[in-house]
Amino acid sequence: GLDFNRNFSTPAEQARAFEAQLTLAAETGLPLFLHERDAGRQMLEML
């Protein structure tokens, strides 16, 4: 997911990794276990 509270990874890096894992969820049909902190608007847009 996305965590803009501490930004240990940049927002761009987070979005890239999240997009890749959304792809894996779509391909496998498995449910998603999501993390979000201080990034609700961006998370909602991607989802």
PDB file of all heavy atoms in Angstrom:
ATOM      1  N   GLY A   1       0.810  -1.199   0.000  1.00  0.00           N
ATOM      2  CA  GLY A   1       0.000   0.000   0.000  1.00  0.00           C
ATOM      3  C   GLY A   1       0.845   1.251   0.000  1.00  0.00           C
ATOM      4  O   GLY A   1       1.917   1.303  -0.618  1.00  0.00           O
ATOM      5  N   LEU A   2       0.374   2.272   0.730  1.00  0.00           N
ATOM      6  CA  LEU A   2       1.027   3.585   0.762  1.00  0.00           C
ATOM      7  C   LEU A   2       1.124   4.074   2.197  1.00  0.00           C
ATOM      8  O   LEU A   2       0.179   3.942   2.969  1.00  0.00           O
ATOM      9  CB  LEU A   2       0.228   4.604  -0.062  1.00  0.00           C
ATOM     10  CG  LEU A   2      -0.026   4.281  -1.534  1.00  0.00           C
ATOM     11  CD1 LEU A   2      -0.965   5.320  -2.149  1.00  0.00           C
ATOM     12  CD2 LEU A   2       1.274   4.212  -2.317  1.00  0.00           C
ATOM     13  N   ASP A   3       2.273   4.675   2.541  1.00  0.00           N
ATOM     14  CA  ASP A   3       2.476   5.245   3.869  1.00  0.00           C
ATOM     15  C   ASP A   3       3.267   6.532   3.714  1.00  0.00           C
ATOM     16  O   ASP A   3       4.474   6.497   3.499  1.00  0.00           O
ATOM     17  CB  ASP A   3       3.215   4.265   4.775  1.00  0.00           C
ATOM     18  CG  ASP A   3       3.262   4.702   6.234  1.00  0.00           C
ATOM     19  OD1 ASP A   3       3.468   5.917   6.468  1.00  0.00           O
ATOM     20  OD2 ASP A   3       3.100   3.857   7.126  1.00  0.00           O
ATOM     21  N   PHE A   4       2.554   7.665   3.790  1.00  0.00           N
ATOM     22  CA  PHE A   4       3.207   8.959   3.630  1.00  0.00           C
ATOM     23  C   PHE A   4       3.492   9.606   4.980  1.00  0.00           C
ATOM     24  O   PHE A   4       3.823  10.792   5.057  1.00  0.00           O
ATOM     25  CB  PHE A   4       2.335   9.891   2.781  1.00  0.00           C
ATOM     26  CG  PHE A   4       2.141   9.408   1.361  1.00  0.00           C
ATOM     27  CD1 PHE A   4       1.147   9.961   0.572  1.00  0.00           C
ATOM     28  CD2 PHE A   4       2.941   8.415   0.811  1.00  0.00           C
ATOM     29  CE1 PHE A   4       0.951   9.534  -0.737  1.00  0.00           C
ATOM     30  CE2 PHE A   4       2.758   7.972  -0.491  1.00  0.00           C
ATOM     31  CZ  PHE A   4       1.756   8.535  -1.268  1.00  0.00           C
ATOM     32  N   ASN A   5       3.384   8.825   6.061  1.00  0.00           N
ATOM     33  CA  ASN A   5       3.657   9.356   7.385  1.00  0.00           C
ATOM     34  C   ASN A   5       5.152   9.522   7.611  1.00  0.00           C
ATOM     35  O   ASN A   5       5.603  10.511   8.182  1.00  0.00           O
ATOM     36  CB  ASN A   5       3.042   8.453   8.452  1.00  0.00           C
ATOM     37  CG  ASN A   5       3.274   8.944   9.862  1.00  0.00           C
ATOM     38  OD1 ASN A   5       4.186   8.491  10.541  1.00  0.00           O
ATOM     39  ND2 ASN A   5       2.451   9.887  10.293  1.00  0.00           N
ATOM     40  N   ARG A   6       5.921   8.532   7.170  1.00  0.00           N
ATOM     41  CA  ARG A   6       7.367   8.578   7.385  1.00  0.00           C
ATOM     42  C   ARG A   6       8.160   8.612   6.089  1.00  0.00           C
ATOM     43  O   ARG A   6       9.304   9.032   6.064  1.00  0.00           O
ATOM     44  CB  ARG A   6       7.815   7.384   8.235  1.00  0.00           C
ATOM     45  CG  ARG A   6       7.225   7.407   9.643  1.00  0.00           C
ATOM     46  CD  ARG A   6       7.752   6.241  10.459  1.00  0.00           C
ATOM     47  NE  ARG A   6       7.199   6.231  11.811  1.00  0.00           N
ATOM     48  CZ  ARG A   6       7.467   5.309  12.708  1.00  0.00           C
ATOM     49  NH1 ARG A   6       8.289   4.297  12.410  1.00  0.00           N
ATOM     50  NH2 ARG A   6       6.928   5.353  13.909  1.00  0.00           N
ATOM     51  N   ASN A   7       7.575   8.094   5.021  1.00  0.00           N
ATOM     52  CA  ASN A   7       8.223   8.101   3.715  1.00  0.00           C
ATOM     53  C   ASN A   7       9.631   7.481   3.756  1.00  0.00           C
ATOM     54  O   ASN A   7      10.603   8.058   3.261  1.00  0.00           O
ATOM     55  CB  ASN A   7       8.296   9.527   3.153  1.00  0.00           C
ATOM     56  CG  ASN A   7       6.961   9.999   2.601  1.00  0.00           C
ATOM     57  OD1 ASN A   7       6.194   9.206   2.048  1.00  0.00           O
ATOM     58  ND2 ASN A   7       6.666  11.273   2.744  1.00  0.00           N
ATOM     59  N   PHE A   8       9.721   6.284   4.358  1.00  0.00           N
ATOM     60  CA  PHE A   8      10.993   5.557   4.311  1.00  0.00           C
ATOM     61  C   PHE A   8      11.361   5.211   2.874  1.00  0.00           C
ATOM     62  O   PHE A   8      12.537   5.071   2.537  1.00  0.00           O
ATOM     63  CB  PHE A   8      10.915   4.287   5.158  1.00  0.00           C
ATOM     64  CG  PHE A   8      10.865   4.556   6.635  1.00  0.00           C
ATOM     65  CD1 PHE A   8       9.963   3.902   7.446  1.00  0.00           C
ATOM     66  CD2 PHE A   8      11.740   5.455   7.219  1.00  0.00           C
ATOM     67  CE1 PHE A   8       9.923   4.137   8.822  1.00  0.00           C
ATOM     68  CE2 PHE A   8      11.718   5.703   8.587  1.00  0.00           C
ATOM     69  CZ  PHE A   8      10.798   5.043   9.386  1.00  0.00           C
ATOM     70  N   SER A   9      10.345   5.011   2.030  1.00  0.00           N
ATOM     71  CA  SER A   9      10.520   4.965   0.586  1.00  0.00           C
ATOM     72  C   SER A   9       9.756   6.159   0.021  1.00  0.00           C
ATOM     73  O   SER A   9       8.767   6.613   0.609  1.00  0.00           O
ATOM     74  CB  SER A   9       9.956   3.669  -0.001  1.00  0.00           C
ATOM     75  OG  SER A   9      10.683   2.546   0.456  1.00  0.00           O
ATOM     76  N   THR A  10      10.202   6.685  -1.110  1.00  0.00           N
ATOM     77  CA  THR A  10       9.548   7.870  -1.667  1.00  0.00           C
ATOM     78  C   THR A  10       8.130   7.526  -2.119  1.00  0.00           C
ATOM     79  O   THR A  10       7.826   6.362  -2.417  1.00  0.00           O
ATOM     80  CB  THR A  10      10.330   8.421  -2.857  1.00  0.00           C
ATOM     81  OG1 THR A  10      10.250   7.487  -3.946  1.00  0.00           O
ATOM     82  CG2 THR A  10      11.791   8.678  -2.488  1.00  0.00           C
ATOM     83  N   PRO A  11       7.247   8.516  -2.195  1.00  0.00           N
ATOM     84  CA  PRO A  11       5.904   8.246  -2.713  1.00  0.00           C
ATOM     85  C   PRO A  11       5.911   7.587  -4.086  1.00  0.00           C
ATOM     86  O   PRO A  11       5.084   6.701  -4.355  1.00  0.00           O
ATOM     87  CB  PRO A  11       5.270   9.643  -2.753  1.00  0.00           C
ATOM     88  CG  PRO A  11       5.938  10.377  -1.632  1.00  0.00           C
ATOM     89  CD  PRO A  11       7.357   9.894  -1.659  1.00  0.00           C
ATOM     90  N   ALA A  12       6.839   7.988  -4.944  1.00  0.00           N
ATOM     91  CA  ALA A  12       6.911   7.379  -6.276  1.00  0.00           C
ATOM     92  C   ALA A  12       7.304   5.905  -6.182  1.00  0.00           C
ATOM     93  O   ALA A  12       6.747   5.050  -6.890  1.00  0.00           O
ATOM     94  CB  ALA A  12       7.911   8.146  -7.144  1.00  0.00           C
ATOM     95  N   GLU A  13       8.261   5.589  -5.318  1.00  0.00           N
ATOM     96  CA  GLU A  13       8.668   4.187  -5.139  1.00  0.00           C
ATOM     97  C   GLU A  13       7.524   3.367  -4.550  1.00  0.00           C
ATOM     98  O   GLU A  13       7.293   2.213  -4.955  1.00  0.00           O
ATOM     99  CB  GLU A  13       9.894   4.114  -4.233  1.00  0.00           C
ATOM    100  CG  GLU A  13      11.166   4.650  -4.873  1.00  0.00           C
ATOM    101  CD  GLU A  13      12.297   4.810  -3.869  1.00  0.00           C
ATOM    102  OE1 GLU A  13      12.027   5.031  -2.661  1.00  0.00           O
ATOM    103  OE2 GLU A  13      13.461   4.727  -4.284  1.00  0.00           O
ATOM    104  N   GLN A  14       6.794   3.959  -3.607  1.00  0.00           N
ATOM    105  CA  GLN A  14       5.663   3.255  -3.016  1.00  0.00           C
ATOM    106  C   GLN A  14       4.583   2.971  -4.055  1.00  0.00           C
ATOM    107  O   GLN A  14       4.029   1.863  -4.107  1.00  0.00           O
ATOM    108  CB  GLN A  14       5.071   4.097  -1.879  1.00  0.00           C
ATOM    109  CG  GLN A  14       5.986   4.242  -0.669  1.00  0.00           C
ATOM    110  CD  GLN A  14       5.322   5.033   0.445  1.00  0.00           C
ATOM    111  OE1 GLN A  14       4.158   4.810   0.763  1.00  0.00           O
ATOM    112  NE2 GLN A  14       6.053   5.959   1.049  1.00  0.00           N
ATOM    113  N   ALA A  15       4.279   3.953  -4.885  1.00  0.00           N
ATOM    114  CA  ALA A  15       3.247   3.769  -5.904  1.00  0.00           C
ATOM    115  C   ALA A  15       3.655   2.687  -6.903  1.00  0.00           C
ATOM    116  O   ALA A  15       2.820   1.868  -7.328  1.00  0.00           O
ATOM    117  CB  ALA A  15       2.985   5.090  -6.623  1.00  0.00           C
ATOM    118  N   ARG A  16       4.918   2.655  -7.252  1.00  0.00           N
ATOM    119  CA  ARG A  16       5.399   1.651  -8.210  1.00  0.00           C
ATOM    120  C   ARG A  16       5.275   0.248  -7.636  1.00  0.00           C
ATOM    121  O   ARG A  16       4.782  -0.675  -8.299  1.00  0.00           O
ATOM    122  CB  ARG A  16       6.862   1.944  -8.578  1.00  0.00           C
ATOM    123  CG  ARG A  16       7.469   0.954  -9.580  1.00  0.00           C
ATOM    124  CD  ARG A  16       8.865   1.410  -9.974  1.00  0.00           C
ATOM    125  NE  ARG A  16       9.790   1.334  -8.865  1.00  0.00           N
ATOM    126  CZ  ARG A  16      10.555   0.263  -8.583  1.00  0.00           C
ATOM    127  NH1 ARG A  16      10.476  -0.822  -9.341  1.00  0.00           N
ATOM    128  NH2 ARG A  16      11.383   0.281  -7.560  1.00  0.00           N
ATOM    129  N   ALA A  17       5.709   0.053  -6.391  1.00  0.00           N
ATOM    130  CA  ALA A  17       5.619  -1.267  -5.773  1.00  0.00           C
ATOM    131  C   ALA A  17       4.165  -1.670  -5.538  1.00  0.00           C
ATOM    132  O   ALA A  17       3.799  -2.845  -5.702  1.00  0.00           O
ATOM    133  CB  ALA A  17       6.392  -1.280  -4.453  1.00  0.00           C
ATOM    134  N   PHE A  18       3.339  -0.723  -5.149  1.00  0.00           N
ATOM    135  CA  PHE A  18       1.928  -1.023  -4.922  1.00  0.00           C
ATOM    136  C   PHE A  18       1.247  -1.426  -6.226  1.00  0.00           C
ATOM    137  O   PHE A  18       0.488  -2.390  -6.272  1.00  0.00           O
ATOM    138  CB  PHE A  18       1.257   0.202  -4.302  1.00  0.00           C
ATOM    139  CG  PHE A  18      -0.172  -0.035  -3.884  1.00  0.00           C
ATOM    140  CD1 PHE A  18      -0.616  -1.282  -3.467  1.00  0.00           C
ATOM    141  CD2 PHE A  18      -1.083   1.017  -3.894  1.00  0.00           C
ATOM    142  CE1 PHE A  18      -1.940  -1.482  -3.070  1.00  0.00           C
ATOM    143  CE2 PHE A  18      -2.402   0.829  -3.498  1.00  0.00           C
ATOM    144  CZ  PHE A  18      -2.821  -0.432  -3.099  1.00  0.00           C
ATOM    145  N   GLU A  19       1.520  -0.681  -7.291  1.00  0.00           N
ATOM    146  CA  GLU A  19       0.937  -1.007  -8.599  1.00  0.00           C
ATOM    147  C   GLU A  19       1.333  -2.428  -9.021  1.00  0.00           C
ATOM    148  O   GLU A  19       0.499  -3.187  -9.530  1.00  0.00           O
ATOM    149  CB  GLU A  19       1.421  -0.004  -9.642  1.00  0.00           C
ATOM    150  CG  GLU A  19       0.700  -0.066 -10.961  1.00  0.00           C
ATOM    151  CD  GLU A  19      -0.527   0.827 -10.996  1.00  0.00           C
ATOM    152  OE1 GLU A  19      -0.662   1.693 -10.126  1.00  0.00           O
ATOM    153  OE2 GLU A  19      -1.345   0.634 -11.906  1.00  0.00           O
ATOM    154  N   ALA A  20       2.573  -2.800  -8.779  1.00  0.00           N
ATOM    155  CA  ALA A  20       3.028  -4.145  -9.147  1.00  0.00           C
ATOM    156  C   ALA A  20       2.303  -5.209  -8.339  1.00  0.00           C
ATOM    157  O   ALA A  20       1.959  -6.284  -8.866  1.00  0.00           O
ATOM    158  CB  ALA A  20       4.542  -4.246  -8.934  1.00  0.00           C
ATOM    159  N   GLN A  21       2.041  -4.936  -7.072  1.00  0.00           N
ATOM    160  CA  GLN A  21       1.361  -5.922  -6.237  1.00  0.00           C
ATOM    161  C   GLN A  21      -0.145  -5.967  -6.511  1.00  0.00           C
ATOM    162  O   GLN A  21      -0.780  -7.019  -6.366  1.00  0.00           O
ATOM    163  CB  GLN A  21       1.664  -5.638  -4.760  1.00  0.00           C
ATOM    164  CG  GLN A  21       3.137  -5.921  -4.444  1.00  0.00           C
ATOM    165  CD  GLN A  21       3.555  -5.533  -3.047  1.00  0.00           C
ATOM    166  OE1 GLN A  21       3.484  -6.334  -2.112  1.00  0.00           O
ATOM    167  NE2 GLN A  21       4.007  -4.296  -2.883  1.00  0.00           N
ATOM    168  N   LEU A  22      -0.713  -4.845  -6.936  1.00  0.00           N
ATOM    169  CA  LEU A  22      -2.091  -4.866  -7.422  1.00  0.00           C
ATOM    170  C   LEU A  22      -2.195  -5.763  -8.648  1.00  0.00           C
ATOM    171  O   LEU A  22      -3.167  -6.517  -8.805  1.00  0.00           O
ATOM    172  CB  LEU A  22      -2.552  -3.443  -7.760  1.00  0.00           C
ATOM    173  CG  LEU A  22      -2.870  -2.538  -6.571  1.00  0.00           C
ATOM    174  CD1 LEU A  22      -2.937  -1.078  -7.023  1.00  0.00           C
ATOM    175  CD2 LEU A  22      -4.173  -2.950  -5.920  1.00  0.00           C
ATOM    176  N   THR A  23      -1.191  -5.710  -9.499  1.00  0.00           N
ATOM    177  CA  THR A  23      -1.154  -6.576 -10.674  1.00  0.00           C
ATOM    178  C   THR A  23      -1.112  -8.042 -10.266  1.00  0.00           C
ATOM    179  O   THR A  23      -1.822  -8.885 -10.838  1.00  0.00           O
ATOM    180  CB  THR A  23       0.069  -6.240 -11.557  1.00  0.00           C
ATOM    181  OG1 THR A  23      -0.006  -4.872 -11.967  1.00  0.00           O
ATOM    182  CG2 THR A  23       0.120  -7.135 -12.788  1.00  0.00           C
ATOM    183  N   LEU A  24      -0.300  -8.362  -9.263  1.00  0.00           N
ATOM    184  CA  LEU A  24      -0.213  -9.744  -8.784  1.00  0.00           C
ATOM    185  C   LEU A  24      -1.553 -10.206  -8.205  1.00  0.00           C
ATOM    186  O   LEU A  24      -1.971 -11.352  -8.417  1.00  0.00           O
ATOM    187  CB  LEU A  24       0.879  -9.871  -7.729  1.00  0.00           C
ATOM    188  CG  LEU A  24       2.327  -9.762  -8.217  1.00  0.00           C
ATOM    189  CD1 LEU A  24       3.297  -9.775  -7.036  1.00  0.00           C
ATOM    190  CD2 LEU A  24       2.660 -10.903  -9.182  1.00  0.00           C
ATOM    191  N   ALA A  25      -2.221  -9.333  -7.488  1.00  0.00           N
ATOM    192  CA  ALA A  25      -3.523  -9.693  -6.925  1.00  0.00           C
ATOM    193  C   ALA A  25      -4.534  -9.949  -8.032  1.00  0.00           C
ATOM    194  O   ALA A  25      -5.347 -10.882  -7.954  1.00  0.00           O
ATOM    195  CB  ALA A  25      -4.019  -8.584  -6.000  1.00  0.00           C
ATOM    196  N   ALA A  26      -4.508  -9.122  -9.068  1.00  0.00           N
ATOM    197  CA  ALA A  26      -5.426  -9.313 -10.187  1.00  0.00           C
ATOM    198  C   ALA A  26      -5.141 -10.622 -10.916  1.00  0.00           C
ATOM    199  O   ALA A  26      -6.063 -11.339 -11.320  1.00  0.00           O
ATOM    200  CB  ALA A  26      -5.319  -8.128 -11.145  1.00  0.00           C
ATOM    201  N   GLU A  27      -3.869 -10.950 -11.063  1.00  0.00           N
ATOM    202  CA  GLU A  27      -3.490 -12.168 -11.790  1.00  0.00           C
ATOM    203  C   GLU A  27      -3.808 -13.430 -10.995  1.00  0.00           C
ATOM    204  O   GLU A  27      -4.230 -14.443 -11.562  1.00  0.00           O
ATOM    205  CB  GLU A  27      -1.997 -12.127 -12.120  1.00  0.00           C
ATOM    206  CG  GLU A  27      -1.618 -11.095 -13.164  1.00  0.00           C
ATOM    207  CD  GLU A  27      -0.118 -11.050 -13.406  1.00  0.00           C
ATOM    208  OE1 GLU A  27       0.620 -11.800 -12.715  1.00  0.00           O
ATOM    209  OE2 GLU A  27       0.318 -10.278 -14.273  1.00  0.00           O
ATOM    210  N   THR A  28      -3.589 -13.400  -9.684  1.00  0.00           N
ATOM    211  CA  THR A  28      -3.770 -14.603  -8.869  1.00  0.00           C
ATOM    212  C   THR A  28      -5.188 -14.764  -8.340  1.00  0.00           C
ATOM    213  O   THR A  28      -5.591 -15.870  -7.970  1.00  0.00           O
ATOM    214  CB  THR A  28      -2.814 -14.584  -7.663  1.00  0.00           C
ATOM    215  OG1 THR A  28      -3.129 -13.452  -6.834  1.00  0.00           O
ATOM    216  CG2 THR A  28      -1.353 -14.509  -8.120  1.00  0.00           C
ATOM    217  N   GLY A  29      -5.930 -13.658  -8.262  1.00  0.00           N
ATOM    218  CA  GLY A  29      -7.257 -13.712  -7.667  1.00  0.00           C
ATOM    219  C   GLY A  29      -7.240 -13.723  -6.152  1.00  0.00           C
ATOM    220  O   GLY A  29      -8.299 -13.837  -5.511  1.00  0.00           O
ATOM    221  N   LEU A  30      -6.059 -13.605  -5.551  1.00  0.00           N
ATOM    222  CA  LEU A  30      -5.957 -13.588  -4.094  1.00  0.00           C
ATOM    223  C   LEU A  30      -6.393 -12.229  -3.543  1.00  0.00           C
ATOM    224  O   LEU A  30      -6.231 -11.200  -4.210  1.00  0.00           O
ATOM    225  CB  LEU A  30      -4.522 -13.875  -3.650  1.00  0.00           C
ATOM    226  CG  LEU A  30      -4.017 -15.306  -3.843  1.00  0.00           C
ATOM    227  CD1 LEU A  30      -2.522 -15.382  -3.560  1.00  0.00           C
ATOM    228  CD2 LEU A  30      -4.778 -16.267  -2.938  1.00  0.00           C
ATOM    229  N   PRO A  31      -6.925 -12.196  -2.336  1.00  0.00           N
ATOM    230  CA  PRO A  31      -7.303 -10.917  -1.735  1.00  0.00           C
ATOM    231  C   PRO A  31      -6.069 -10.089  -1.386  1.00  0.00           C
ATOM    232  O   PRO A  31      -4.948 -10.602  -1.322  1.00  0.00           O
ATOM    233  CB  PRO A  31      -8.071 -11.324  -0.480  1.00  0.00           C
ATOM    234  CG  PRO A  31      -7.582 -12.691  -0.148  1.00  0.00           C
ATOM    235  CD  PRO A  31      -7.267 -13.344  -1.461  1.00  0.00           C
ATOM    236  N   LEU A  32      -6.300  -8.812  -1.144  1.00  0.00           N
ATOM    237  CA  LEU A  32      -5.236  -7.876  -0.808  1.00  0.00           C
ATOM    238  C   LEU A  32      -5.253  -7.547   0.676  1.00  0.00           C
ATOM    239  O   LEU A  32      -6.313  -7.321   1.265  1.00  0.00           O
ATOM    240  CB  LEU A  32      -5.407  -6.571  -1.591  1.00  0.00           C
ATOM    241  CG  LEU A  32      -4.861  -6.548  -3.015  1.00  0.00           C
ATOM    242  CD1 LEU A  32      -5.550  -5.445  -3.805  1.00  0.00           C
ATOM    243  CD2 LEU A  32      -3.356  -6.340  -3.019  1.00  0.00           C
ATOM    244  N   PHE A  33      -4.060  -7.495   1.263  1.00  0.00           N
ATOM    245  CA  PHE A  33      -3.874  -7.087   2.650  1.00  0.00           C
ATOM    246  C   PHE A  33      -3.176  -5.736   2.593  1.00  0.00           C
ATOM    247  O   PHE A  33      -1.984  -5.651   2.282  1.00  0.00           O
ATOM    248  CB  PHE A  33      -3.029  -8.130   3.386  1.00  0.00           C
ATOM    249  CG  PHE A  33      -3.000  -7.968   4.878  1.00  0.00           C
ATOM    250  CD1 PHE A  33      -4.062  -8.390   5.657  1.00  0.00           C
ATOM    251  CD2 PHE A  33      -1.898  -7.405   5.517  1.00  0.00           C
ATOM    252  CE1 PHE A  33      -4.035  -8.264   7.040  1.00  0.00           C
ATOM    253  CE2 PHE A  33      -1.860  -7.267   6.893  1.00  0.00           C
ATOM    254  CZ  PHE A  33      -2.933  -7.703   7.653  1.00  0.00           C
ATOM    255  N   LEU A  34      -3.936  -4.665   2.857  1.00  0.00           N
ATOM    256  CA  LEU A  34      -3.497  -3.313   2.552  1.00  0.00           C
ATOM    257  C   LEU A  34      -3.014  -2.552   3.784  1.00  0.00           C
ATOM    258  O   LEU A  34      -3.555  -2.703   4.884  1.00  0.00           O
ATOM    259  CB  LEU A  34      -4.644  -2.525   1.917  1.00  0.00           C
ATOM    260  CG  LEU A  34      -5.186  -3.077   0.597  1.00  0.00           C
ATOM    261  CD1 LEU A  34      -6.433  -2.303   0.189  1.00  0.00           C
ATOM    262  CD2 LEU A  34      -4.127  -3.007  -0.491  1.00  0.00           C
ATOM    263  N   HIS A  35      -2.025  -1.688   3.550  1.00  0.00           N
ATOM    264  CA  HIS A  35      -1.524  -0.762   4.568  1.00  0.00           C
ATOM    265  C   HIS A  35      -1.682   0.647   4.029  1.00  0.00           C
ATOM    266  O   HIS A  35      -1.293   0.943   2.901  1.00  0.00           O
ATOM    267  CB  HIS A  35      -0.048  -1.034   4.861  1.00  0.00           C
ATOM    268  CG  HIS A  35       0.586  -0.018   5.770  1.00  0.00           C
ATOM    269  ND1 HIS A  35       0.806  -0.250   7.107  1.00  0.00           N
ATOM    270  CD2 HIS A  35       1.038   1.251   5.537  1.00  0.00           C
ATOM    271  CE1 HIS A  35       1.371   0.820   7.662  1.00  0.00           C
ATOM    272  NE2 HIS A  35       1.520   1.744   6.720  1.00  0.00           N
ATOM    273  N   GLU A  36      -2.250   1.538   4.853  1.00  0.00           N
ATOM    274  CA  GLU A  36      -2.339   2.953   4.465  1.00  0.00           C
ATOM    275  C   GLU A  36      -2.218   3.824   5.693  1.00  0.00           C
ATOM    276  O   GLU A  36      -2.878   3.580   6.701  1.00  0.00           O
ATOM    277  CB  GLU A  36      -3.670   3.224   3.755  1.00  0.00           C
ATOM    278  CG  GLU A  36      -3.857   4.676   3.325  1.00  0.00           C
ATOM    279  CD  GLU A  36      -4.601   5.520   4.358  1.00  0.00           C
ATOM    280  OE1 GLU A  36      -5.696   5.111   4.779  1.00  0.00           O
ATOM    281  OE2 GLU A  36      -4.063   6.579   4.759  1.00  0.00           O
ATOM    282  N   ARG A  37      -1.371   4.821   5.595  1.00  0.00           N
ATOM    283  CA  ARG A  37      -1.281   5.819   6.661  1.00  0.00           C
ATOM    284  C   ARG A  37      -0.986   7.176   6.034  1.00  0.00           C
ATOM    285  O   ARG A  37      -0.022   7.318   5.264  1.00  0.00           O
ATOM    286  CB  ARG A  37      -0.202   5.445   7.683  1.00  0.00           C
ATOM    287  CG  ARG A  37      -0.267   6.333   8.931  1.00  0.00           C
ATOM    288  CD  ARG A  37       0.630   5.826  10.039  1.00  0.00           C
ATOM    289  NE  ARG A  37       0.514   6.696  11.207  1.00  0.00           N
ATOM    290  CZ  ARG A  37       1.364   6.674  12.232  1.00  0.00           C
ATOM    291  NH1 ARG A  37       2.355   5.811  12.246  1.00  0.00           N
ATOM    292  NH2 ARG A  37       1.195   7.511  13.251  1.00  0.00           N
ATOM    293  N   ASP A  38      -1.838   8.130   6.329  1.00  0.00           N
ATOM    294  CA  ASP A  38      -1.699   9.494   5.819  1.00  0.00           C
ATOM    295  C   ASP A  38      -1.636   9.537   4.300  1.00  0.00           C
ATOM    296  O   ASP A  38      -0.980  10.400   3.705  1.00  0.00           O
ATOM    297  CB  ASP A  38      -0.446  10.171   6.403  1.00  0.00           C
ATOM    298  CG  ASP A  38      -0.541  10.363   7.910  1.00  0.00           C
ATOM    299  OD1 ASP A  38      -1.646  10.208   8.464  1.00  0.00           O
ATOM    300  OD2 ASP A  38       0.502  10.660   8.526  1.00  0.00           O
ATOM    301  N   ALA A  39      -2.300   8.609   3.654  1.00  0.00           N
ATOM    302  CA  ALA A  39      -2.273   8.528   2.186  1.00  0.00           C
ATOM    303  C   ALA A  39      -3.627   8.089   1.637  1.00  0.00           C
ATOM    304  O   ALA A  39      -3.706   7.478   0.576  1.00  0.00           O
ATOM    305  CB  ALA A  39      -1.176   7.559   1.731  1.00  0.00           C
ATOM    306  N   GLY A  40      -4.690   8.416   2.377  1.00  0.00           N
ATOM    307  CA  GLY A  40      -6.008   7.927   1.997  1.00  0.00           C
ATOM    308  C   GLY A  40      -6.449   8.344   0.618  1.00  0.00           C
ATOM    309  O   GLY A  40      -6.981   7.537  -0.150  1.00  0.00           O
ATOM    310  N   ARG A  41      -6.249   9.614   0.256  1.00  0.00           N
ATOM    311  CA  ARG A  41      -6.710  10.090  -1.047  1.00  0.00           C
ATOM    312  C   ARG A  41      -6.009   9.361  -2.189  1.00  0.00           C
ATOM    313  O   ARG A  41      -6.650   8.899  -3.142  1.00  0.00           O
ATOM    314  CB  ARG A  41      -6.470  11.598  -1.168  1.00  0.00           C
ATOM    315  CG  ARG A  41      -6.943  12.199  -2.491  1.00  0.00           C
ATOM    316  CD  ARG A  41      -6.777  13.702  -2.493  1.00  0.00           C
ATOM    317  NE  ARG A  41      -7.556  14.320  -1.428  1.00  0.00           N
ATOM    318  CZ  ARG A  41      -7.536  15.634  -1.167  1.00  0.00           C
ATOM    319  NH1 ARG A  41      -6.768  16.450  -1.884  1.00  0.00           N
ATOM    320  NH2 ARG A  41      -8.281  16.130  -0.190  1.00  0.00           N
ATOM    321  N   GLN A  42      -4.685   9.248  -2.090  1.00  0.00           N
ATOM    322  CA  GLN A  42      -3.935   8.574  -3.153  1.00  0.00           C
ATOM    323  C   GLN A  42      -4.281   7.086  -3.218  1.00  0.00           C
ATOM    324  O   GLN A  42      -4.374   6.508  -4.303  1.00  0.00           O
ATOM    325  CB  GLN A  42      -2.430   8.769  -2.928  1.00  0.00           C
ATOM    326  CG  GLN A  42      -1.971  10.216  -3.049  1.00  0.00           C
ATOM    327  CD  GLN A  42      -2.097  10.992  -1.747  1.00  0.00           C
ATOM    328  OE1 GLN A  42      -2.851  10.603  -0.833  1.00  0.00           O
ATOM    329  NE2 GLN A  42      -1.353  12.088  -1.637  1.00  0.00           N
ATOM    330  N   MET A  43      -4.454   6.465  -2.053  1.00  0.00           N
ATOM    331  CA  MET A  43      -4.821   5.044  -2.023  1.00  0.00           C
ATOM    332  C   MET A  43      -6.167   4.825  -2.693  1.00  0.00           C
ATOM    333  O   MET A  43      -6.336   3.896  -3.495  1.00  0.00           O
ATOM    334  CB  MET A  43      -4.858   4.552  -0.574  1.00  0.00           C
ATOM    335  CG  MET A  43      -5.296   3.111  -0.433  1.00  0.00           C
ATOM    336  SD  MET A  43      -3.953   1.947  -0.703  1.00  0.00           S
ATOM    337  CE  MET A  43      -3.481   1.646   0.979  1.00  0.00           C
ATOM    338  N   LEU A  44      -7.127   5.670  -2.378  1.00  0.00           N
ATOM    339  CA  LEU A  44      -8.452   5.527  -2.973  1.00  0.00           C
ATOM    340  C   LEU A  44      -8.402   5.691  -4.482  1.00  0.00           C
ATOM    341  O   LEU A  44      -9.070   4.963  -5.224  1.00  0.00           O
ATOM    342  CB  LEU A  44      -9.414   6.555  -2.361  1.00  0.00           C
ATOM    343  CG  LEU A  44      -9.924   6.223  -0.959  1.00  0.00           C
ATOM    344  CD1 LEU A  44     -10.576   7.433  -0.316  1.00  0.00           C
ATOM    345  CD2 LEU A  44     -10.911   5.056  -1.016  1.00  0.00           C
ATOM    346  N   GLU A  45      -7.612   6.642  -4.954  1.00  0.00           N
ATOM    347  CA  GLU A  45      -7.506   6.853  -6.397  1.00  0.00           C
ATOM    348  C   GLU A  45      -6.959   5.615  -7.099  1.00  0.00           C
ATOM    349  O   GLU A  45      -7.469   5.202  -8.152  1.00  0.00           O
ATOM    350  CB  GLU A  45      -6.618   8.064  -6.679  1.00  0.00           C
ATOM    351  CG  GLU A  45      -7.257   9.394  -6.332  1.00  0.00           C
ATOM    352  CD  GLU A  45      -6.301  10.564  -6.520  1.00  0.00           C
ATOM    353  OE1 GLU A  45      -5.133  10.320  -6.907  1.00  0.00           O
ATOM    354  OE2 GLU A  45      -6.717  11.710  -6.281  1.00  0.00           O
ATOM    355  N   MET A  46      -5.924   5.005  -6.526  1.00  0.00           N
ATOM    356  CA  MET A  46      -5.338   3.819  -7.140  1.00  0.00           C
ATOM    357  C   MET A  46      -6.298   2.636  -7.078  1.00  0.00           C
ATOM    358  O   MET A  46      -6.457   1.886  -8.041  1.00  0.00           O
ATOM    359  CB  MET A  46      -4.002   3.470  -6.470  1.00  0.00           C
ATOM    360  CG  MET A  46      -2.914   4.505  -6.702  1.00  0.00           C
ATOM    361  SD  MET A  46      -1.309   4.033  -6.006  1.00  0.00           S
ATOM    362  CE  MET A  46      -0.823   2.716  -7.146  1.00  0.00           C
ATOM    363  N   LEU A  47      -6.965   2.468  -5.937  1.00  0.00           N
ATOM    364  CA  LEU A  47      -7.867   1.333  -5.787  1.00  0.00           C
ATOM    365  C   LEU A  47      -9.095   1.461  -6.689  1.00  0.00           C
ATOM    366  O   LEU A  47      -9.596   0.452  -7.203  1.00  0.00           O
ATOM    367  CB  LEU A  47      -8.288   1.186  -4.330  1.00  0.00           C
ATOM    368  CG  LEU A  47      -7.195   0.702  -3.370  1.00  0.00           C
ATOM    369  CD1 LEU A  47      -7.676   0.789  -1.927  1.00  0.00           C
ATOM    370  CD2 LEU A  47      -6.775  -0.722  -3.702  1.00  0.00           C
TER     371      LEU A  47
END
